Amino acid sequence: MPEAALWILWIIKWAAVPVGVFAFVHALIQRPDAFTAADRMTKPAWLAINAGAAVALLLFDFAGFTWMFWMAGLVAALVYIVDVRPKLNEAQRGGNKW
């Protein structure tokens, strides 16, 4: 594999780690009742999912056999950020004002 491709894969791998850490920290600082108010899984469940995602993004490589675990971690973190986080923010703010 060319050296440029290895650098690109390395950048992708390490750019995903802060995504997983952000998802975990965001879940950590949220109120537990916000998860039930947003009709999502409980806070401990999302903490476990996001912790596993952050660890998978940190430990596994984007290339090779372990890419499946890396990709699963990225998908789990992105599902939290794209789906759960907006619902939590909306539940804590009291709904849409418009």
PDB file of N, CA and C in Angstrom:
ATOM      1  N   MET A   1       0.854  -1.175   0.000  1.00  0.00           N
ATOM      2  CA  MET A   1       0.000   0.000   0.000  1.00  0.00           C
ATOM      3  C   MET A   1       0.899   1.238   0.000  1.00  0.00           C
ATOM      4  N   PRO A   2       0.561   2.222  -0.806  1.00  0.00           N
ATOM      5  CA  PRO A   2       1.380   3.449  -0.848  1.00  0.00           C
ATOM      6  C   PRO A   2       1.380   4.163   0.506  1.00  0.00           C
ATOM      7  N   GLU A   3       2.444   4.891   0.729  1.00  0.00           N
ATOM      8  CA  GLU A   3       2.594   5.576   2.012  1.00  0.00           C
ATOM      9  C   GLU A   3       1.516   6.639   2.223  1.00  0.00           C
ATOM     10  N   ALA A   4       1.091   7.292   1.152  1.00  0.00           N
ATOM     11  CA  ALA A   4       0.032   8.301   1.272  1.00  0.00           C
ATOM     12  C   ALA A   4      -1.274   7.672   1.740  1.00  0.00           C
ATOM     13  N   ALA A   5      -1.567   6.478   1.245  1.00  0.00           N
ATOM     14  CA  ALA A   5      -2.790   5.789   1.665  1.00  0.00           C
ATOM     15  C   ALA A   5      -2.720   5.414   3.146  1.00  0.00           C
ATOM     16  N   LEU A   6      -1.554   5.019   3.599  1.00  0.00           N
ATOM     17  CA  LEU A   6      -1.400   4.692   5.018  1.00  0.00           C
ATOM     18  C   LEU A   6      -1.601   5.927   5.894  1.00  0.00           C
ATOM     19  N   TRP A   7      -1.105   7.069   5.438  1.00  0.00           N
ATOM     20  CA  TRP A   7      -1.311   8.303   6.188  1.00  0.00           C
ATOM     21  C   TRP A   7      -2.791   8.680   6.239  1.00  0.00           C
ATOM     22  N   ILE A   8      -3.485   8.504   5.136  1.00  0.00           N
ATOM     23  CA  ILE A   8      -4.918   8.818   5.105  1.00  0.00           C
ATOM     24  C   ILE A   8      -5.692   7.915   6.058  1.00  0.00           C
ATOM     25  N   LEU A   9      -5.381   6.627   6.052  1.00  0.00           N
ATOM     26  CA  LEU A   9      -6.039   5.699   6.974  1.00  0.00           C
ATOM     27  C   LEU A   9      -5.723   6.048   8.425  1.00  0.00           C
ATOM     28  N   TRP A  10      -4.499   6.450   8.687  1.00  0.00           N
ATOM     29  CA  TRP A  10      -4.105   6.832  10.038  1.00  0.00           C
ATOM     30  C   TRP A  10      -4.887   8.065  10.495  1.00  0.00           C
ATOM     31  N   ILE A  11      -5.041   9.033   9.616  1.00  0.00           N
ATOM     32  CA  ILE A  11      -5.793  10.250   9.951  1.00  0.00           C
ATOM     33  C   ILE A  11      -7.264   9.926  10.204  1.00  0.00           C
ATOM     34  N   ILE A  12      -7.842   9.066   9.373  1.00  0.00           N
ATOM     35  CA  ILE A  12      -9.248   8.677   9.571  1.00  0.00           C
ATOM     36  C   ILE A  12      -9.420   7.979  10.913  1.00  0.00           C
ATOM     37  N   LYS A  13      -8.517   7.060  11.228  1.00  0.00           N
ATOM     38  CA  LYS A  13      -8.611   6.326  12.495  1.00  0.00           C
ATOM     39  C   LYS A  13      -8.589   7.273  13.680  1.00  0.00           C
ATOM     40  N   TRP A  14      -7.628   8.173  13.705  1.00  0.00           N
ATOM     41  CA  TRP A  14      -7.490   9.046  14.860  1.00  0.00           C
ATOM     42  C   TRP A  14      -8.483  10.202  14.864  1.00  0.00           C
ATOM     43  N   ALA A  15      -9.074  10.525  13.736  1.00  0.00           N
ATOM     44  CA  ALA A  15     -10.116  11.554  13.717  1.00  0.00           C
ATOM     45  C   ALA A  15     -11.415  11.018  14.307  1.00  0.00           C
ATOM     46  N   ALA A  16     -11.605   9.708  14.277  1.00  0.00           N
ATOM     47  CA  ALA A  16     -12.830   9.115  14.807  1.00  0.00           C
ATOM     48  C   ALA A  16     -12.793   8.974  16.323  1.00  0.00           C
ATOM     49  N   VAL A  17     -11.621   8.931  16.917  1.00  0.00           N
ATOM     50  CA  VAL A  17     -11.518   8.748  18.373  1.00  0.00           C
ATOM     51  C   VAL A  17     -12.206   9.880  19.140  1.00  0.00           C
ATOM     52  N   PRO A  18     -12.003  11.153  18.796  1.00  0.00           N
ATOM     53  CA  PRO A  18     -12.720  12.212  19.518  1.00  0.00           C
ATOM     54  C   PRO A  18     -14.245  12.126  19.364  1.00  0.00           C
ATOM     55  N   VAL A  19     -14.711  11.559  18.271  1.00  0.00           N
ATOM     56  CA  VAL A  19     -16.163  11.386  18.093  1.00  0.00           C
ATOM     57  C   VAL A  19     -16.699  10.437  19.160  1.00  0.00           C
ATOM     58  N   GLY A  20     -16.017   9.323  19.361  1.00  0.00           N
ATOM     59  CA  GLY A  20     -16.437   8.374  20.387  1.00  0.00           C
ATOM     60  C   GLY A  20     -16.327   8.935  21.785  1.00  0.00           C
ATOM     61  N   VAL A  21     -15.260   9.666  22.043  1.00  0.00           N
ATOM     62  CA  VAL A  21     -15.081  10.265  23.368  1.00  0.00           C
ATOM     63  C   VAL A  21     -16.147  11.335  23.615  1.00  0.00           C
ATOM     64  N   PHE A  22     -16.453  12.135  22.596  1.00  0.00           N
ATOM     65  CA  PHE A  22     -17.498  13.153  22.746  1.00  0.00           C
ATOM     66  C   PHE A  22     -18.848  12.511  23.060  1.00  0.00           C
ATOM     67  N   ALA A  23     -19.182  11.437  22.352  1.00  0.00           N
ATOM     68  CA  ALA A  23     -20.466  10.761  22.596  1.00  0.00           C
ATOM     69  C   ALA A  23     -20.534  10.236  24.026  1.00  0.00           C
ATOM     70  N   PHE A  24     -19.439   9.660  24.515  1.00  0.00           N
ATOM     71  CA  PHE A  24     -19.428   9.141  25.880  1.00  0.00           C
ATOM     72  C   PHE A  24     -19.550  10.266  26.910  1.00  0.00           C
ATOM     73  N   VAL A  25     -18.784  11.319  26.739  1.00  0.00           N
ATOM     74  CA  VAL A  25     -18.816  12.432  27.701  1.00  0.00           C
ATOM     75  C   VAL A  25     -20.187  13.104  27.691  1.00  0.00           C
ATOM     76  N   HIS A  26     -20.772  13.255  26.516  1.00  0.00           N
ATOM     77  CA  HIS A  26     -22.102  13.871  26.451  1.00  0.00           C
ATOM     78  C   HIS A  26     -23.128  13.015  27.183  1.00  0.00           C
ATOM     79  N   ALA A  27     -23.078  11.715  26.984  1.00  0.00           N
ATOM     80  CA  ALA A  27     -24.001  10.827  27.692  1.00  0.00           C
ATOM     81  C   ALA A  27     -23.751  10.858  29.189  1.00  0.00           C
ATOM     82  N   LEU A  28     -22.504  11.018  29.583  1.00  0.00           N
ATOM     83  CA  LEU A  28     -22.146  11.031  30.994  1.00  0.00           C
ATOM     84  C   LEU A  28     -22.714  12.235  31.724  1.00  0.00           C
ATOM     85  N   ILE A  29     -22.768  13.394  31.079  1.00  0.00           N
ATOM     86  CA  ILE A  29     -23.199  14.605  31.779  1.00  0.00           C
ATOM     87  C   ILE A  29     -24.701  14.872  31.681  1.00  0.00           C
ATOM     88  N   GLN A  30     -25.425  14.016  30.977  1.00  0.00           N
ATOM     89  CA  GLN A  30     -26.863  14.213  30.850  1.00  0.00           C
ATOM     90  C   GLN A  30     -27.604  13.658  32.066  1.00  0.00           C
ATOM     91  N   ARG A  31     -28.775  14.226  32.329  1.00  0.00           N
ATOM     92  CA  ARG A  31     -29.615  13.738  33.425  1.00  0.00           C
ATOM     93  C   ARG A  31     -30.214  12.384  33.038  1.00  0.00           C
ATOM     94  N   PRO A  32     -30.312  11.455  33.993  1.00  0.00           N
ATOM     95  CA  PRO A  32     -30.875  10.136  33.661  1.00  0.00           C
ATOM     96  C   PRO A  32     -32.338  10.188  33.219  1.00  0.00           C
ATOM     97  N   ASP A  33     -33.111  11.122  33.775  1.00  0.00           N
ATOM     98  CA  ASP A  33     -34.518  11.193  33.400  1.00  0.00           C
ATOM     99  C   ASP A  33     -34.722  11.749  31.993  1.00  0.00           C
ATOM    100  N   ALA A  34     -33.720  12.407  31.448  1.00  0.00           N
ATOM    101  CA  ALA A  34     -33.841  12.933  30.085  1.00  0.00           C
ATOM    102  C   ALA A  34     -33.907  11.805  29.065  1.00  0.00           C
ATOM    103  N   PHE A  35     -33.251  10.700  29.341  1.00  0.00           N
ATOM    104  CA  PHE A  35     -33.266   9.570  28.411  1.00  0.00           C
ATOM    105  C   PHE A  35     -34.664   8.958  28.324  1.00  0.00           C
ATOM    106  N   THR A  36     -35.321   8.808  29.466  1.00  0.00           N
ATOM    107  CA  THR A  36     -36.682   8.267  29.437  1.00  0.00           C
ATOM    108  C   THR A  36     -37.669   9.289  28.887  1.00  0.00           C
ATOM    109  N   ALA A  37     -37.439  10.569  29.160  1.00  0.00           N
ATOM    110  CA  ALA A  37     -38.310  11.602  28.610  1.00  0.00           C
ATOM    111  C   ALA A  37     -38.182  11.687  27.094  1.00  0.00           C
ATOM    112  N   ALA A  38     -37.008  11.384  26.577  1.00  0.00           N
ATOM    113  CA  ALA A  38     -36.788  11.410  25.129  1.00  0.00           C
ATOM    114  C   ALA A  38     -37.180  10.083  24.479  1.00  0.00           C
ATOM    115  N   ASP A  39     -37.686   9.141  25.273  1.00  0.00           N
ATOM    116  CA  ASP A  39     -38.123   7.825  24.781  1.00  0.00           C
ATOM    117  C   ASP A  39     -36.971   7.071  24.123  1.00  0.00           C
ATOM    118  N   ARG A  40     -35.832   7.070  24.807  1.00  0.00           N
ATOM    119  CA  ARG A  40     -34.639   6.355  24.356  1.00  0.00           C
ATOM    120  C   ARG A  40     -34.225   5.367  25.437  1.00  0.00           C
ATOM    121  N   MET A  41     -33.201   4.554  25.158  1.00  0.00           N
ATOM    122  CA  MET A  41     -32.697   3.615  26.163  1.00  0.00           C
ATOM    123  C   MET A  41     -32.194   4.391  27.372  1.00  0.00           C
ATOM    124  N   THR A  42     -31.943   3.666  28.455  1.00  0.00           N
ATOM    125  CA  THR A  42     -31.539   4.313  29.697  1.00  0.00           C
ATOM    126  C   THR A  42     -30.120   4.864  29.607  1.00  0.00           C
ATOM    127  N   LYS A  43     -29.800   5.716  30.563  1.00  0.00           N
ATOM    128  CA  LYS A  43     -28.467   6.321  30.596  1.00  0.00           C
ATOM    129  C   LYS A  43     -27.366   5.270  30.746  1.00  0.00           C
ATOM    130  N   PRO A  44     -27.496   4.285  31.657  1.00  0.00           N
ATOM    131  CA  PRO A  44     -26.432   3.279  31.754  1.00  0.00           C
ATOM    132  C   PRO A  44     -26.235   2.492  30.453  1.00  0.00           C
ATOM    133  N   ALA A  45     -27.304   2.238  29.730  1.00  0.00           N
ATOM    134  CA  ALA A  45     -27.173   1.518  28.463  1.00  0.00           C
ATOM    135  C   ALA A  45     -26.387   2.344  27.458  1.00  0.00           C
ATOM    136  N   TRP A  46     -26.693   3.626  27.341  1.00  0.00           N
ATOM    137  CA  TRP A  46     -25.964   4.475  26.395  1.00  0.00           C
ATOM    138  C   TRP A  46     -24.537   4.730  26.854  1.00  0.00           C
ATOM    139  N   LEU A  47     -24.307   4.775  28.150  1.00  0.00           N
ATOM    140  CA  LEU A  47     -22.931   4.901  28.632  1.00  0.00           C
ATOM    141  C   LEU A  47     -22.109   3.674  28.250  1.00  0.00           C
ATOM    142  N   ALA A  48     -22.690   2.504  28.403  1.00  0.00           N
ATOM    143  CA  ALA A  48     -21.981   1.272  28.036  1.00  0.00           C
ATOM    144  C   ALA A  48     -21.726   1.210  26.533  1.00  0.00           C
ATOM    145  N   ILE A  49     -22.719   1.576  25.740  1.00  0.00           N
ATOM    146  CA  ILE A  49     -22.554   1.562  24.285  1.00  0.00           C
ATOM    147  C   ILE A  49     -21.479   2.549  23.855  1.00  0.00           C
ATOM    148  N   ASN A  50     -21.529   3.747  24.392  1.00  0.00           N
ATOM    149  CA  ASN A  50     -20.552   4.766  24.002  1.00  0.00           C
ATOM    150  C   ASN A  50     -19.156   4.467  24.546  1.00  0.00           C
ATOM    151  N   ALA A  51     -19.063   3.867  25.718  1.00  0.00           N
ATOM    152  CA  ALA A  51     -17.747   3.469  26.231  1.00  0.00           C
ATOM    153  C   ALA A  51     -17.149   2.386  25.339  1.00  0.00           C
ATOM    154  N   GLY A  52     -17.970   1.412  24.964  1.00  0.00           N
ATOM    155  CA  GLY A  52     -17.490   0.380  24.046  1.00  0.00           C
ATOM    156  C   GLY A  52     -17.095   0.949  22.701  1.00  0.00           C
ATOM    157  N   ALA A  53     -17.855   1.921  22.230  1.00  0.00           N
ATOM    158  CA  ALA A  53     -17.539   2.550  20.948  1.00  0.00           C
ATOM    159  C   ALA A  53     -16.215   3.305  21.028  1.00  0.00           C
ATOM    160  N   ALA A  54     -16.012   4.053  22.106  1.00  0.00           N
ATOM    161  CA  ALA A  54     -14.758   4.808  22.249  1.00  0.00           C
ATOM    162  C   ALA A  54     -13.559   3.868  22.351  1.00  0.00           C
ATOM    163  N   VAL A  55     -13.724   2.777  23.072  1.00  0.00           N
ATOM    164  CA  VAL A  55     -12.629   1.814  23.197  1.00  0.00           C
ATOM    165  C   VAL A  55     -12.357   1.141  21.854  1.00  0.00           C
ATOM    166  N   ALA A  56     -13.408   0.787  21.132  1.00  0.00           N
ATOM    167  CA  ALA A  56     -13.221   0.161  19.817  1.00  0.00           C
ATOM    168  C   ALA A  56     -12.530   1.112  18.851  1.00  0.00           C
ATOM    169  N   LEU A  57     -12.905   2.370  18.871  1.00  0.00           N
ATOM    170  CA  LEU A  57     -12.267   3.342  17.989  1.00  0.00           C
ATOM    171  C   LEU A  57     -10.810   3.562  18.364  1.00  0.00           C
ATOM    172  N   LEU A  58     -10.498   3.432  19.624  1.00  0.00           N
ATOM    173  CA  LEU A  58      -9.129   3.635  20.078  1.00  0.00           C
ATOM    174  C   LEU A  58      -8.237   2.423  19.806  1.00  0.00           C
ATOM    175  N   LEU A  59      -8.780   1.237  20.011  1.00  0.00           N
ATOM    176  CA  LEU A  59      -7.952   0.040  19.943  1.00  0.00           C
ATOM    177  C   LEU A  59      -7.837  -0.591  18.564  1.00  0.00           C
ATOM    178  N   PHE A  60      -8.908  -0.560  17.793  1.00  0.00           N
ATOM    179  CA  PHE A  60      -8.917  -1.286  16.532  1.00  0.00           C
ATOM    180  C   PHE A  60      -8.549  -0.380  15.364  1.00  0.00           C
ATOM    181  N   ASP A  61      -8.072  -1.008  14.298  1.00  0.00           N
ATOM    182  CA  ASP A  61      -7.633  -0.278  13.115  1.00  0.00           C
ATOM    183  C   ASP A  61      -8.739  -0.199  12.078  1.00  0.00           C
ATOM    184  N   PHE A  62      -8.651   0.828  11.262  1.00  0.00           N
ATOM    185  CA  PHE A  62      -9.589   1.026  10.164  1.00  0.00           C
ATOM    186  C   PHE A  62      -9.322   0.033   9.037  1.00  0.00           C
ATOM    187  N   ALA A  63      -8.099  -0.408   8.933  1.00  0.00           N
ATOM    188  CA  ALA A  63      -7.725  -1.352   7.877  1.00  0.00           C
ATOM    189  C   ALA A  63      -7.392  -2.691   8.517  1.00  0.00           C
ATOM    190  N   GLY A  64      -7.633  -3.768   7.795  1.00  0.00           N
ATOM    191  CA  GLY A  64      -7.341  -5.090   8.303  1.00  0.00           C
ATOM    192  C   GLY A  64      -8.594  -5.786   8.812  1.00  0.00           C
ATOM    193  N   PHE A  65      -8.374  -6.882   9.529  1.00  0.00           N
ATOM    194  CA  PHE A  65      -9.491  -7.689  10.005  1.00  0.00           C
ATOM    195  C   PHE A  65     -10.347  -6.960  11.034  1.00  0.00           C
ATOM    196  N   THR A  66      -9.749  -6.116  11.839  1.00  0.00           N
ATOM    197  CA  THR A  66     -10.484  -5.477  12.931  1.00  0.00           C
ATOM    198  C   THR A  66     -11.308  -4.273  12.492  1.00  0.00           C
ATOM    199  N   TRP A  67     -11.374  -4.009  11.200  1.00  0.00           N
ATOM    200  CA  TRP A  67     -12.142  -2.851  10.740  1.00  0.00           C
ATOM    201  C   TRP A  67     -13.621  -2.981  11.097  1.00  0.00           C
ATOM    202  N   MET A  68     -14.122  -4.226  11.224  1.00  0.00           N
ATOM    203  CA  MET A  68     -15.536  -4.427  11.579  1.00  0.00           C
ATOM    204  C   MET A  68     -15.840  -3.845  12.956  1.00  0.00           C
ATOM    205  N   PHE A  69     -14.930  -4.072  13.906  1.00  0.00           N
ATOM    206  CA  PHE A  69     -15.130  -3.560  15.259  1.00  0.00           C
ATOM    207  C   PHE A  69     -14.978  -2.046  15.293  1.00  0.00           C
ATOM    208  N   TRP A  70     -14.035  -1.541  14.523  1.00  0.00           N
ATOM    209  CA  TRP A  70     -13.845  -0.093  14.426  1.00  0.00           C
ATOM    210  C   TRP A  70     -15.097   0.561  13.840  1.00  0.00           C
ATOM    211  N   MET A  71     -15.613  -0.045  12.764  1.00  0.00           N
ATOM    212  CA  MET A  71     -16.799   0.510  12.110  1.00  0.00           C
ATOM    213  C   MET A  71     -18.018   0.434  13.021  1.00  0.00           C
ATOM    214  N   ALA A  72     -18.167  -0.662  13.764  1.00  0.00           N
ATOM    215  CA  ALA A  72     -19.285  -0.783  14.707  1.00  0.00           C
ATOM    216  C   ALA A  72     -19.197   0.300  15.782  1.00  0.00           C
ATOM    217  N   GLY A  73     -17.996   0.580  16.251  1.00  0.00           N
ATOM    218  CA  GLY A  73     -17.824   1.646  17.238  1.00  0.00           C
ATOM    219  C   GLY A  73     -18.181   3.009  16.672  1.00  0.00           C
ATOM    220  N   LEU A  74     -17.763   3.263  15.441  1.00  0.00           N
ATOM    221  CA  LEU A  74     -18.082   4.545  14.816  1.00  0.00           C
ATOM    222  C   LEU A  74     -19.582   4.696  14.596  1.00  0.00           C
ATOM    223  N   VAL A  75     -20.222   3.637  14.141  1.00  0.00           N
ATOM    224  CA  VAL A  75     -21.671   3.696  13.911  1.00  0.00           C
ATOM    225  C   VAL A  75     -22.411   3.916  15.228  1.00  0.00           C
ATOM    226  N   ALA A  76     -22.006   3.231  16.280  1.00  0.00           N
ATOM    227  CA  ALA A  76     -22.665   3.400  17.580  1.00  0.00           C
ATOM    228  C   ALA A  76     -22.535   4.830  18.085  1.00  0.00           C
ATOM    229  N   ALA A  77     -21.347   5.401  17.969  1.00  0.00           N
ATOM    230  CA  ALA A  77     -21.142   6.783  18.421  1.00  0.00           C
ATOM    231  C   ALA A  77     -21.949   7.757  17.567  1.00  0.00           C
ATOM    232  N   LEU A  78     -21.979   7.530  16.267  1.00  0.00           N
ATOM    233  CA  LEU A  78     -22.729   8.439  15.386  1.00  0.00           C
ATOM    234  C   LEU A  78     -24.237   8.320  15.588  1.00  0.00           C
ATOM    235  N   VAL A  79     -24.735   7.125  15.886  1.00  0.00           N
ATOM    236  CA  VAL A  79     -26.161   6.974  16.179  1.00  0.00           C
ATOM    237  C   VAL A  79     -26.518   7.794  17.412  1.00  0.00           C
ATOM    238  N   TYR A  80     -25.666   7.749  18.418  1.00  0.00           N
ATOM    239  CA  TYR A  80     -25.929   8.552  19.608  1.00  0.00           C
ATOM    240  C   TYR A  80     -25.926  10.044  19.266  1.00  0.00           C
ATOM    241  N   ILE A  81     -24.921  10.477  18.529  1.00  0.00           N
ATOM    242  CA  ILE A  81     -24.786  11.901  18.231  1.00  0.00           C
ATOM    243  C   ILE A  81     -25.911  12.405  17.339  1.00  0.00           C
ATOM    244  N   VAL A  82     -26.303  11.614  16.351  1.00  0.00           N
ATOM    245  CA  VAL A  82     -27.284  12.069  15.367  1.00  0.00           C
ATOM    246  C   VAL A  82     -28.722  11.848  15.831  1.00  0.00           C
ATOM    247  N   ASP A  83     -28.978  10.785  16.590  1.00  0.00           N
ATOM    248  CA  ASP A  83     -30.355  10.458  16.957  1.00  0.00           C
ATOM    249  C   ASP A  83     -30.677  10.798  18.411  1.00  0.00           C
ATOM    250  N   VAL A  84     -29.854  10.349  19.330  1.00  0.00           N
ATOM    251  CA  VAL A  84     -30.179  10.486  20.752  1.00  0.00           C
ATOM    252  C   VAL A  84     -29.891  11.885  21.266  1.00  0.00           C
ATOM    253  N   ARG A  85     -28.754  12.439  20.921  1.00  0.00           N
ATOM    254  CA  ARG A  85     -28.357  13.758  21.429  1.00  0.00           C
ATOM    255  C   ARG A  85     -29.387  14.849  21.128  1.00  0.00           C
ATOM    256  N   PRO A  86     -29.900  14.961  19.886  1.00  0.00           N
ATOM    257  CA  PRO A  86     -30.922  15.995  19.652  1.00  0.00           C
ATOM    258  C   PRO A  86     -32.199  15.778  20.473  1.00  0.00           C
ATOM    259  N   LYS A  87     -32.590  14.517  20.657  1.00  0.00           N
ATOM    260  CA  LYS A  87     -33.793  14.243  21.457  1.00  0.00           C
ATOM    261  C   LYS A  87     -33.565  14.596  22.923  1.00  0.00           C
ATOM    262  N   LEU A  88     -32.374  14.332  23.428  1.00  0.00           N
ATOM    263  CA  LEU A  88     -32.066  14.701  24.813  1.00  0.00           C
ATOM    264  C   LEU A  88     -32.079  16.213  24.986  1.00  0.00           C
ATOM    265  N   ASN A  89     -31.466  16.917  24.056  1.00  0.00           N
ATOM    266  CA  ASN A  89     -31.461  18.381  24.133  1.00  0.00           C
ATOM    267  C   ASN A  89     -32.869  18.938  24.069  1.00  0.00           C
ATOM    268  N   GLU A  90     -33.693  18.367  23.208  1.00  0.00           N
ATOM    269  CA  GLU A  90     -35.079  18.821  23.092  1.00  0.00           C
ATOM    270  C   GLU A  90     -35.859  18.525  24.363  1.00  0.00           C
ATOM    271  N   ALA A  91     -35.665  17.361  24.962  1.00  0.00           N
ATOM    272  CA  ALA A  91     -36.380  16.996  26.189  1.00  0.00           C
ATOM    273  C   ALA A  91     -35.953  17.888  27.347  1.00  0.00           C
ATOM    274  N   GLN A  92     -34.707  18.266  27.407  1.00  0.00           N
ATOM    275  CA  GLN A  92     -34.230  19.090  28.507  1.00  0.00           C
ATOM    276  C   GLN A  92     -34.592  20.563  28.338  1.00  0.00           C
ATOM    277  N   ARG A  93     -34.799  20.992  27.083  1.00  0.00           N
ATOM    278  CA  ARG A  93     -35.180  22.390  26.838  1.00  0.00           C
ATOM    279  C   ARG A  93     -36.690  22.574  26.913  1.00  0.00           C
ATOM    280  N   GLY A  94     -37.426  21.503  26.944  1.00  0.00           N
ATOM    281  CA  GLY A  94     -38.866  21.627  27.049  1.00  0.00           C
ATOM    282  C   GLY A  94     -39.573  21.559  25.708  1.00  0.00           C
ATOM    283  N   GLY A  95     -38.941  21.001  24.711  1.00  0.00           N
ATOM    284  CA  GLY A  95     -39.602  20.834  23.418  1.00  0.00           C
ATOM    285  C   GLY A  95     -39.284  21.972  22.478  1.00  0.00           C
ATOM    286  N   ASN A  96     -39.879  21.887  21.311  1.00  0.00           N
ATOM    287  CA  ASN A  96     -39.662  22.889  20.259  1.00  0.00           C
ATOM    288  C   ASN A  96     -40.511  24.118  20.531  1.00  0.00           C
ATOM    289  N   LYS A  97     -39.888  25.266  20.512  1.00  0.00           N
ATOM    290  CA  LYS A  97     -40.626  26.520  20.795  1.00  0.00           C
ATOM    291  C   LYS A  97     -41.346  27.066  19.582  1.00  0.00           C
ATOM    292  N   TRP A  98     -41.054  26.567  18.399  1.00  0.00           N
ATOM    293  CA  TRP A  98     -41.688  27.084  17.206  1.00  0.00           C
ATOM    294  C   TRP A  98     -43.005  26.432  17.058  1.00  0.00           C
TER     295      TRP A  98
END
